[in-house]
């Protein structure tokens, strides 16, 4: 499955099942804090960031509160997804 994880002013296109709220927070933190050489924890291994996908293939969206405002483009995409 493919989805979008929005965290404040950042977002990730993600391959994997719809994560729980707790897992969504863990993924946002894991991907937002860059640590060289850190291995993805086993509990988060079923999700990965994807760089090339089509909007019509998105199956889920999760918003995790964070710093900054969500970009207008991501807000528009979330609105479009909510209409599907």
N, C-alpha and C. Protein backbone atom coordinates (compact mmCIF):
# COMPACT_ATOMS: atom_id res chain seq x y z
N UNK A 1 0.85 -1.19 0.00
CA UNK A 1 0.00 0.00 0.00
C UNK A 1 0.88 1.24 0.00
N UNK A 2 0.30 2.32 -0.42
CA UNK A 2 1.01 3.58 -0.52
C UNK A 2 0.22 4.67 0.20
N UNK A 3 0.92 5.52 0.93
CA UNK A 3 0.25 6.60 1.63
C UNK A 3 1.14 7.81 1.80
N UNK A 4 0.60 8.81 2.46
CA UNK A 4 1.34 10.03 2.76
C UNK A 4 1.29 10.25 4.27
N UNK A 5 2.46 10.52 4.83
CA UNK A 5 2.59 10.82 6.25
C UNK A 5 3.01 12.28 6.34
N UNK A 6 2.14 13.11 6.90
CA UNK A 6 2.39 14.55 7.01
C UNK A 6 2.79 14.85 8.44
N UNK A 7 3.91 15.57 8.58
CA UNK A 7 4.43 15.91 9.90
C UNK A 7 4.81 17.39 9.89
N UNK A 8 3.90 18.24 10.36
CA UNK A 8 4.16 19.68 10.35
C UNK A 8 4.39 20.17 8.94
N UNK A 9 5.55 20.78 8.69
CA UNK A 9 5.85 21.31 7.36
C UNK A 9 6.62 20.30 6.50
N UNK A 10 6.61 19.04 6.90
CA UNK A 10 7.30 17.99 6.16
C UNK A 10 6.30 16.89 5.81
N UNK A 11 6.59 16.16 4.76
CA UNK A 11 5.74 15.01 4.44
C UNK A 11 6.58 13.93 3.77
N UNK A 12 6.07 12.70 3.86
CA UNK A 12 6.76 11.55 3.30
C UNK A 12 5.74 10.72 2.52
N UNK A 13 6.12 10.30 1.33
CA UNK A 13 5.32 9.31 0.60
C UNK A 13 5.87 7.97 1.05
N UNK A 14 4.97 7.11 1.53
CA UNK A 14 5.38 5.91 2.25
C UNK A 14 4.78 4.66 1.64
N UNK A 15 5.62 3.65 1.46
CA UNK A 15 5.15 2.31 1.09
C UNK A 15 4.99 1.51 2.36
N UNK A 16 3.82 0.92 2.54
CA UNK A 16 3.53 0.11 3.72
C UNK A 16 2.06 0.27 4.09
N UNK A 17 1.62 -0.52 5.05
CA UNK A 17 0.22 -0.44 5.49
C UNK A 17 -0.04 0.85 6.26
N UNK A 18 -1.30 1.16 6.43
CA UNK A 18 -1.70 2.32 7.24
C UNK A 18 -1.16 2.12 8.65
N UNK A 19 -0.28 3.02 9.11
CA UNK A 19 0.26 2.85 10.47
C UNK A 19 -0.71 3.35 11.54
N UNK A 20 -0.56 2.80 12.72
CA UNK A 20 -1.34 3.28 13.88
C UNK A 20 -0.87 4.68 14.23
N UNK A 21 -1.63 5.41 15.05
CA UNK A 21 -1.16 6.73 15.48
C UNK A 21 0.21 6.70 16.16
N UNK A 22 0.44 5.70 17.01
CA UNK A 22 1.72 5.60 17.70
C UNK A 22 2.86 5.32 16.71
N UNK A 23 2.62 4.42 15.76
CA UNK A 23 3.63 4.10 14.75
C UNK A 23 3.86 5.29 13.84
N UNK A 24 2.81 6.04 13.52
CA UNK A 24 2.96 7.24 12.69
C UNK A 24 3.90 8.24 13.33
N UNK A 25 3.74 8.44 14.64
CA UNK A 25 4.63 9.35 15.37
C UNK A 25 6.06 8.84 15.34
N UNK A 26 6.22 7.53 15.54
CA UNK A 26 7.57 6.94 15.54
C UNK A 26 8.22 7.08 14.17
N UNK A 27 7.45 6.85 13.10
CA UNK A 27 7.99 7.00 11.74
C UNK A 27 8.38 8.44 11.47
N UNK A 28 7.52 9.39 11.84
CA UNK A 28 7.82 10.80 11.62
C UNK A 28 9.09 11.19 12.35
N UNK A 29 9.25 10.76 13.57
CA UNK A 29 10.44 11.09 14.33
C UNK A 29 11.67 10.42 13.72
N UNK A 30 11.55 9.14 13.37
CA UNK A 30 12.67 8.38 12.80
C UNK A 30 13.17 9.02 11.51
N UNK A 31 12.25 9.45 10.65
CA UNK A 31 12.65 10.02 9.37
C UNK A 31 12.99 11.50 9.46
N UNK A 32 12.56 12.18 10.49
CA UNK A 32 12.84 13.62 10.62
C UNK A 32 14.18 13.91 11.28
N UNK A 33 14.65 13.00 12.10
CA UNK A 33 15.93 13.17 12.79
C UNK A 33 16.98 12.35 12.04
N UNK A 34 17.87 13.03 11.36
CA UNK A 34 18.88 12.33 10.55
C UNK A 34 20.03 11.88 11.44
N UNK A 35 20.24 10.59 11.47
CA UNK A 35 21.33 10.01 12.24
C UNK A 35 22.06 9.03 11.33
N UNK A 36 23.27 9.36 10.98
CA UNK A 36 24.05 8.53 10.07
C UNK A 36 24.37 7.19 10.73
N UNK A 37 24.15 6.13 9.97
CA UNK A 37 24.48 4.79 10.44
C UNK A 37 23.43 4.12 11.30
N UNK A 38 22.34 4.82 11.58
CA UNK A 38 21.29 4.23 12.42
C UNK A 38 20.46 3.26 11.58
N UNK A 39 20.23 2.09 12.12
CA UNK A 39 19.43 1.07 11.45
C UNK A 39 17.97 1.28 11.84
N UNK A 40 17.08 1.10 10.87
CA UNK A 40 15.65 1.23 11.16
C UNK A 40 15.24 0.18 12.19
N UNK A 41 14.54 0.58 13.23
CA UNK A 41 14.08 -0.38 14.24
C UNK A 41 13.17 -1.44 13.60
N UNK A 42 13.24 -2.68 14.06
CA UNK A 42 12.40 -3.74 13.48
C UNK A 42 10.92 -3.40 13.46
N UNK A 43 10.43 -2.67 14.46
CA UNK A 43 9.00 -2.32 14.52
C UNK A 43 8.59 -1.39 13.38
N UNK A 44 9.56 -0.71 12.74
CA UNK A 44 9.26 0.23 11.66
C UNK A 44 9.72 -0.29 10.30
N UNK A 45 10.22 -1.51 10.25
CA UNK A 45 10.85 -2.03 9.03
C UNK A 45 9.87 -2.25 7.88
N UNK A 46 8.58 -2.35 8.14
CA UNK A 46 7.64 -2.61 7.05
C UNK A 46 7.25 -1.36 6.27
N UNK A 47 7.76 -0.19 6.68
CA UNK A 47 7.49 1.06 5.98
C UNK A 47 8.79 1.60 5.39
N UNK A 48 8.69 2.21 4.21
CA UNK A 48 9.85 2.85 3.61
C UNK A 48 9.39 4.06 2.82
N UNK A 49 10.26 5.05 2.75
CA UNK A 49 9.97 6.25 1.97
C UNK A 49 10.12 5.91 0.49
N UNK A 50 9.20 6.40 -0.31
CA UNK A 50 9.23 6.20 -1.76
C UNK A 50 9.35 7.55 -2.44
N UNK A 51 10.14 7.63 -3.48
CA UNK A 51 10.38 8.94 -4.10
C UNK A 51 9.62 9.16 -5.40
N UNK A 52 9.12 8.12 -6.03
CA UNK A 52 8.40 8.30 -7.30
C UNK A 52 7.10 7.51 -7.28
N UNK A 53 6.03 8.21 -7.13
CA UNK A 53 4.71 7.57 -7.09
C UNK A 53 3.69 8.47 -7.75
N UNK A 54 2.55 7.90 -8.10
CA UNK A 54 1.45 8.65 -8.66
C UNK A 54 0.41 8.93 -7.58
N UNK A 55 -0.12 10.14 -7.58
CA UNK A 55 -1.11 10.56 -6.59
C UNK A 55 -2.30 9.61 -6.53
N UNK A 56 -2.72 9.11 -7.69
CA UNK A 56 -3.90 8.24 -7.72
C UNK A 56 -3.64 6.88 -7.06
N UNK A 57 -2.40 6.58 -6.74
CA UNK A 57 -2.08 5.32 -6.06
C UNK A 57 -2.05 5.44 -4.54
N UNK A 58 -2.25 6.65 -4.01
CA UNK A 58 -2.24 6.83 -2.55
C UNK A 58 -3.49 6.20 -1.94
N UNK A 59 -3.29 5.36 -0.94
CA UNK A 59 -4.40 4.66 -0.28
C UNK A 59 -4.74 5.23 1.08
N UNK A 60 -3.79 5.90 1.71
CA UNK A 60 -4.03 6.41 3.06
C UNK A 60 -3.25 7.70 3.29
N UNK A 61 -3.68 8.43 4.31
CA UNK A 61 -3.00 9.65 4.73
C UNK A 61 -3.08 9.75 6.25
N UNK A 62 -1.97 10.14 6.85
CA UNK A 62 -1.90 10.33 8.29
C UNK A 62 -1.24 11.67 8.56
N UNK A 63 -1.80 12.43 9.50
CA UNK A 63 -1.21 13.70 9.89
C UNK A 63 -0.72 13.58 11.32
N UNK A 64 0.56 13.85 11.51
CA UNK A 64 1.18 13.86 12.83
C UNK A 64 1.52 15.31 13.15
N UNK A 65 1.02 15.86 14.25
CA UNK A 65 1.33 17.25 14.57
C UNK A 65 2.85 17.47 14.65
N UNK A 66 3.27 18.63 14.15
CA UNK A 66 4.68 18.98 14.18
C UNK A 66 4.85 20.47 14.04
N UNK A 67 6.09 20.90 13.98
CA UNK A 67 6.39 22.32 13.85
C UNK A 67 6.17 22.78 12.41
N UNK A 68 5.77 24.02 12.27
CA UNK A 68 5.58 24.60 10.94
C UNK A 68 4.22 24.28 10.37
N UNK A 69 3.88 25.04 9.34
CA UNK A 69 2.60 24.85 8.66
C UNK A 69 2.76 23.90 7.49
N UNK A 70 1.74 23.09 7.27
CA UNK A 70 1.73 22.20 6.12
C UNK A 70 1.69 23.03 4.85
N UNK A 71 2.48 22.64 3.86
CA UNK A 71 2.55 23.41 2.62
C UNK A 71 1.20 23.42 1.91
N UNK A 72 0.90 24.49 1.17
CA UNK A 72 -0.37 24.56 0.44
C UNK A 72 -0.56 23.38 -0.52
N UNK A 73 0.51 22.91 -1.15
CA UNK A 73 0.39 21.78 -2.08
C UNK A 73 -0.03 20.51 -1.36
N UNK A 74 0.52 20.27 -0.18
CA UNK A 74 0.15 19.07 0.60
C UNK A 74 -1.27 19.21 1.12
N UNK A 75 -1.67 20.40 1.56
CA UNK A 75 -3.05 20.63 2.01
C UNK A 75 -4.02 20.33 0.87
N UNK A 76 -3.70 20.80 -0.33
CA UNK A 76 -4.55 20.54 -1.49
C UNK A 76 -4.64 19.04 -1.76
N UNK A 77 -3.50 18.34 -1.71
CA UNK A 77 -3.51 16.90 -1.94
C UNK A 77 -4.36 16.18 -0.89
N UNK A 78 -4.23 16.57 0.38
CA UNK A 78 -5.04 15.95 1.43
C UNK A 78 -6.53 16.20 1.20
N UNK A 79 -6.86 17.41 0.75
CA UNK A 79 -8.27 17.71 0.44
C UNK A 79 -8.77 16.86 -0.70
N UNK A 80 -7.96 16.66 -1.72
CA UNK A 80 -8.35 15.82 -2.85
C UNK A 80 -8.54 14.37 -2.41
N UNK A 81 -7.65 13.89 -1.56
CA UNK A 81 -7.75 12.52 -1.08
C UNK A 81 -9.01 12.32 -0.24
N UNK A 82 -9.41 13.34 0.51
CA UNK A 82 -10.59 13.21 1.36
C UNK A 82 -11.88 13.14 0.53
N UNK A 83 -11.80 13.61 -0.72
CA UNK A 83 -12.98 13.58 -1.59
C UNK A 83 -13.15 12.24 -2.29
N UNK A 84 -12.07 11.46 -2.35
CA UNK A 84 -12.13 10.15 -3.04
C UNK A 84 -12.90 9.13 -2.26
